[in-house]
Protein backbone atom coordinates (compact mmCIF):
# COMPACT_ATOMS: atom_id res chain seq x y z
CA UNK A 1 113.70 119.96 113.85
CA UNK A 2 109.93 120.45 113.86
CA UNK A 3 108.63 119.39 117.27
CA UNK A 4 104.94 118.62 117.62
CA UNK A 5 102.86 118.15 120.70
CA UNK A 6 100.99 114.86 120.86
CA UNK A 7 98.07 113.91 123.04
CA UNK A 8 96.99 110.38 123.87
CA UNK A 9 93.25 110.14 123.22
CA UNK A 10 93.00 106.36 123.68
CA UNK A 11 90.97 106.60 126.89
CA UNK A 12 88.39 109.02 125.47
CA UNK A 13 88.34 107.09 122.17
CA UNK A 14 87.53 103.86 124.06
CA UNK A 15 84.24 105.35 125.32
CA UNK A 16 83.32 107.20 122.15
CA UNK A 17 80.41 105.96 120.07
CA UNK A 18 82.01 105.29 116.69
CA UNK A 19 80.59 107.08 113.67
CA UNK A 20 79.19 104.71 111.04
CA UNK A 21 80.42 105.87 107.64
CA UNK A 22 82.29 104.66 104.59
CA UNK A 23 85.23 106.29 102.84
CA UNK A 24 85.05 106.55 99.04
CA UNK A 25 86.62 103.67 97.12
CA UNK A 26 89.38 105.48 95.26
CA UNK A 27 89.66 103.01 92.39
CA UNK A 28 85.97 103.64 91.63
CA UNK A 29 85.76 107.40 92.10
CA UNK A 30 88.94 107.94 90.05
CA UNK A 31 86.98 106.72 87.02
CA UNK A 32 85.22 110.11 87.08
CA UNK A 33 88.51 111.85 86.28
CA UNK A 34 89.70 109.39 83.62
CA UNK A 35 90.31 111.02 80.24
CA UNK A 36 89.89 114.60 81.47
CA UNK A 37 92.15 117.24 79.98
CA UNK A 38 92.83 119.64 82.86
CA UNK A 39 93.61 118.94 86.51
CA UNK A 40 94.34 120.85 89.69
CA UNK A 41 95.70 119.30 92.88
CA UNK A 42 95.00 120.90 96.24
CA UNK A 43 95.75 120.13 99.88
CA UNK A 44 94.32 121.67 103.02
CA UNK A 45 96.42 123.56 105.54
CA UNK A 46 96.23 121.90 109.00
CA UNK A 47 93.10 120.15 107.87
CA UNK A 48 91.47 118.78 111.06
CA UNK A 49 92.16 122.05 112.84
CA UNK A 50 89.98 123.90 110.34
CA UNK A 51 86.87 122.28 111.82
CA UNK A 52 85.49 123.58 115.11
CA UNK A 53 85.15 121.06 117.92
CA UNK A 54 81.63 120.85 119.35
CA UNK A 55 81.47 122.83 122.57
CA UNK A 56 80.20 119.87 124.62
CA UNK A 57 83.29 117.86 123.51
CA UNK A 58 85.86 120.50 124.41
CA UNK A 59 86.04 119.64 128.11
CA UNK A 60 86.38 115.91 127.34
CA UNK A 61 89.33 116.62 125.05
CA UNK A 62 91.03 118.95 127.53
CA UNK A 63 94.36 117.92 129.01
CA UNK A 64 96.65 119.24 131.69
CA UNK A 65 100.36 119.98 131.63
CA UNK A 66 102.59 121.22 134.42
CA UNK A 67 101.70 124.77 133.36
CA UNK A 68 97.98 124.81 132.63
CA UNK A 69 94.90 123.09 131.23
CA UNK A 70 94.58 123.16 127.45
CA UNK A 71 91.11 122.95 125.92
CA UNK A 72 91.01 122.36 122.15
CA UNK A 73 88.49 124.36 120.19
CA UNK A 74 89.29 122.56 116.92
CA UNK A 75 89.02 118.87 116.01
CA UNK A 76 92.29 117.29 117.18
CA UNK A 77 94.08 114.66 115.13
CA UNK A 78 94.03 111.30 116.84
CA UNK A 79 90.56 111.50 118.30
CA UNK A 80 88.07 108.88 117.23
CA UNK A 81 86.40 109.52 113.86
CA UNK A 82 88.41 112.69 113.10
CA UNK A 83 89.28 111.51 109.58
CA UNK A 84 85.80 110.29 108.63
CA UNK A 85 84.25 113.41 110.20
CA UNK A 86 86.53 115.61 108.11
CA UNK A 87 85.85 113.56 104.94
CA UNK A 88 82.07 113.73 105.33
CA UNK A 89 82.18 117.45 106.16
CA UNK A 90 84.22 118.15 103.02
CA UNK A 91 81.82 116.08 100.91
CA UNK A 92 78.96 118.27 102.17
CA UNK A 93 80.90 121.50 101.59
CA UNK A 94 81.77 120.57 98.00
CA UNK A 95 78.59 118.66 97.08
CA UNK A 96 77.95 120.82 93.98
CA UNK A 97 81.30 119.77 92.46
CA UNK A 98 81.75 116.32 93.98
CA UNK A 99 82.30 113.45 91.52
CA UNK A 100 81.46 115.68 88.52
CA UNK A 101 84.54 117.90 88.75
CA UNK A 102 86.09 117.23 92.16
CA UNK A 103 87.30 114.29 94.21
CA UNK A 104 88.03 114.54 97.92
CA UNK A 105 90.20 112.25 100.02
CA UNK A 106 90.39 113.67 103.55
CA UNK A 107 92.71 116.67 103.05
CA UNK A 108 93.51 116.21 99.34
CA UNK A 109 91.41 117.44 96.42
CA UNK A 110 91.67 116.92 92.69
CA UNK A 111 89.71 119.22 90.38
CA UNK A 112 89.22 118.13 86.77
CA UNK A 113 87.45 119.16 83.57
CA UNK A 114 87.31 118.35 79.87
CA UNK A 115 88.27 121.82 78.63
CA UNK A 116 90.06 124.88 79.96
CA UNK A 117 86.95 127.09 80.12
CA UNK A 118 85.06 124.56 82.23
CA UNK A 119 88.16 124.03 84.37
CA UNK A 120 88.46 127.76 85.07
CA UNK A 121 84.73 128.00 85.90
CA UNK A 122 85.00 125.07 88.31
CA UNK A 123 88.21 126.48 89.82
CA UNK A 124 86.35 129.72 90.51
CA UNK A 125 83.49 127.73 92.06
CA UNK A 126 85.95 125.75 94.20
CA UNK A 127 87.60 128.93 95.50
CA UNK A 128 84.17 130.44 96.19
CA UNK A 129 83.16 127.37 98.23
CA UNK A 130 86.46 127.44 100.12
CA UNK A 131 85.79 131.08 100.97
CA UNK A 132 82.15 130.43 101.92
CA UNK A 133 83.15 127.70 104.37
CA UNK A 134 86.27 129.48 105.66
CA UNK A 135 88.62 126.70 104.52
CA UNK A 136 92.29 127.29 103.72
CA UNK A 137 94.54 125.49 101.25
CA UNK A 138 98.26 124.88 101.59
CA UNK A 139 100.26 126.61 98.88
CA UNK A 140 102.98 123.95 99.19
CA UNK A 141 100.52 121.10 98.62
CA UNK A 142 98.58 122.70 95.74
CA UNK A 143 98.99 123.05 91.96
CA UNK A 144 96.47 125.24 90.16
CA UNK A 145 96.72 123.65 86.76
CA UNK A 146 98.22 120.50 85.39
CA UNK A 147 97.53 119.50 81.82
CA UNK A 148 98.14 115.94 80.86
CA UNK A 149 98.53 113.50 83.71
CA UNK A 150 98.55 113.70 87.48
CA UNK A 151 99.14 111.26 90.30
CA UNK A 152 96.65 111.61 93.15
CA UNK A 153 96.50 109.22 96.09
CA UNK A 154 98.78 106.83 94.15
CA UNK A 155 96.37 106.71 91.20
CA UNK A 156 97.35 108.14 87.85
CA UNK A 157 94.93 110.23 85.79
CA UNK A 158 95.80 110.85 82.17
CA UNK A 159 94.08 112.96 79.58
CA UNK A 160 92.65 111.20 76.60
CA UNK A 161 94.73 111.15 73.43
CA UNK A 162 92.09 113.01 71.41
């Protein structure tokens, strides 16, 4: 049994100024990958926790147990705007690949290209960006190469028949 600690952020969320942003419309952005020949699927390891929490927010997010006070230094899941903050941060990190060779949906990525040489170049670029920004992928949630068709966020991408 994998036990996880949970924290109720409803009170702090109720006084948080909500971030105004829009998530990508998957049915539209998936058109960029339609007909591509090579795909890679990737997932982040403990995604929200990879982003540092602003120092001025750390005290607000602190909580006390019977043993001590815990102060998060990483963005906790469940706090207001965590998902959209992560999405927008990833879009900035991967801007050079975004929509041309990469789609991002919170903690899931799909890399795609028309031919194997381009795919390998873009895979190298993706790994370089991950390294530059100190981001880590989950081995269990990632597949380096998938030729043919993939299912990503419940949408199917298939290579063209040519």
